[in-house]
Amino acid sequence: MSQIRQTHGRGWGILLGLLAFAGVLGCTTASAAGADKPNVIIFLVDDMGLMDTSVPFITDEKGQAKRYPLNDYYRTPSMERLAAQGARLSQFYAMSVCSPTRTSLLTGQNSARHHVTQWIRSENNNRGKFGPAEWNWVGKQDLNTNLPSLMRAGGYRTIFIGKAHFGPNGQPAEFPQNLGFDVNIAGCSWGQPGSYYGQSGYGHLKGNKNRAVPDLEKYHGTDTFLSEALTIEAKAQIDKAVADGKPFFLDMAHYAVHAPFDSDPRFADHYTDSGKPKGAQAFATLIEGMDKSLGDLMDHLESKGIAENTLILFLGDNGSDAPLGDEKGYSSSAPLRGKKGTCYEGGMRVGFIAAWAKPDPKNPFQKKLPINAGAINTQIGTVMDLYPTILNLADIKKPKSYAIDGYDLARQLVNEPNADREDRFMMHFPHDHRSSYWTSLRVGDWKIIYDYNPENPSKPGYELFNLKNDPFEKNDLAAREPGAVKRLMNEMIKQLDSEGAQYPVDMQGNELKPRVPQ
């Protein structure tokens, strides 16, 4: 099968590709690209939270990295290497589940605005019993404004490798080549792989065929682990771009470390004496295999002589789903509270590292975006920030009259205050999950969580935390700080309205909007 995915989405790909080209041709032309553009890699890890690494991201009161037990459990030497030559953001936020984050990366918008507010089920609408009926469950995106289309019009070879999960079966967003990517390998509607094992054809030969990873037939029946197969394919696509003299934009989106927690046999011996459950050991092998992929790509960039010209942006797509502790996840993200799908910090805080694959202060691209090696910036960052950061670096104009909720991270990457942004992050989730029907808003040190309580909307819930004094959300201050609750709720309502948010409904189907307590 061709490495450029053609099946199912071919007609959509041709039509939408022409529309995208026509819509963004005025931004810049492909002929202006070549060697005068830096390469960009988004290295996205599925279900990897802030603590699923040996690199410490949580900081003490002086802004210095502080290690916790989970940092000593995981083995991620390539992440350590990347962090040593790049900058970490210690308070970086993604959405609490995957499809909203993935859409925000491509649009630069908050999920409340683009309306992909839940993970997208491949087969049907999973809005939940009280979810908004018109949420963007088909994953519709505007090809005149999304990141890969703009990068392609700007002269880039746009490459997608791995897990997509942008839209359901039968919709254009099912396949990344319909969203502005020239190349798509292994991306489809699936949110998890049928299997990580080549022996099972990644689900095709046995096991979960309904979640079988496409496009990797050459590895079927071999002992090539899924993370390794995707890395091999990514290196081959980089080689093609280099041979053609094209700068590339690579969305390297691993299926790891999402369930099923298939143990990677290359690393299993590292965890057998850890005292952790079998599932947690397997999860750790997935982490280490992902980390090997990162190191292999960095080595490959250097072998091709393009490491100095290549920016790597590493992040997770939501909080951890490590099989540790109880269902509420008070151990999987420890010391953070919660995990994937919750309204707490463990559900939406993720690791973020930005680094040039090989630092060189004399490199012209690195002069434009200098990164303070080994720095840890404690100002808030979000997944929406990658959109303007990448476009500015690539000298591609942002679309006019288009709302961008992110900020250029350039100043934060040299560990300077970014005066253009307010330290705030809103996460809107009007659906069912581990935490259900809620909106959270962080402004400065304060964080409020609103529970719509659709079964009894006359009694909404409020939780309030001061993250400076209580970073692990142990002490709910809502009853003691009514003034702060009212102030933050008014700010939440204002932001939700400005972004055109959709809301859950009550048992009679009436829309529920957040309420300020009397």
Foldseek 3Di string as FASTA:
>chain_A
DDQFDCPPQPVLLVVLLVVLCVLQLVQAAQVPFFPVFFAEEEAEAEQFFQLLELDFLDADPVLHGDDDVSNVQFYQVLVVVLQQFFEWASFEWFFLHFQQRLLLLFALDHCLQQQPQDQADQPDDAQAPFGFPPGPNQLDDDSSFTQLSLVVRLNAQEEEFAEQLRGHPPHLSQFCSSNNHRGYGQYGNALAWQAQALQCQSPCNHGNVVRHGPDQVVSRNHRQGNLRSRLVVVLVVVVVCVVVSTHYYYHNYHSPPDDPLDANVVCLVVCPPVPDDPQLSSNSNSVRSSSVSSVVVLVSCVVSVNLQRYKYKYKYNWAHPRPDDDPQCVPVQPPAGGGRPDPTSNSIHMIIIIRRSDDDCVDPLCVVQPAQRNHYAHAYAYSSANRVQSCVSRVGDRDPPRDRPHHHCRQVRNPHDDPVDFRKDKRAHQGDDPQHFWIWMDGQQKIKIWHCPQACNVDIDIFIDRCVVPVRRPDGCCVVCLVVQQVVQVVVQVVSVVSVGFHTHHPVRHGTDDDRDD
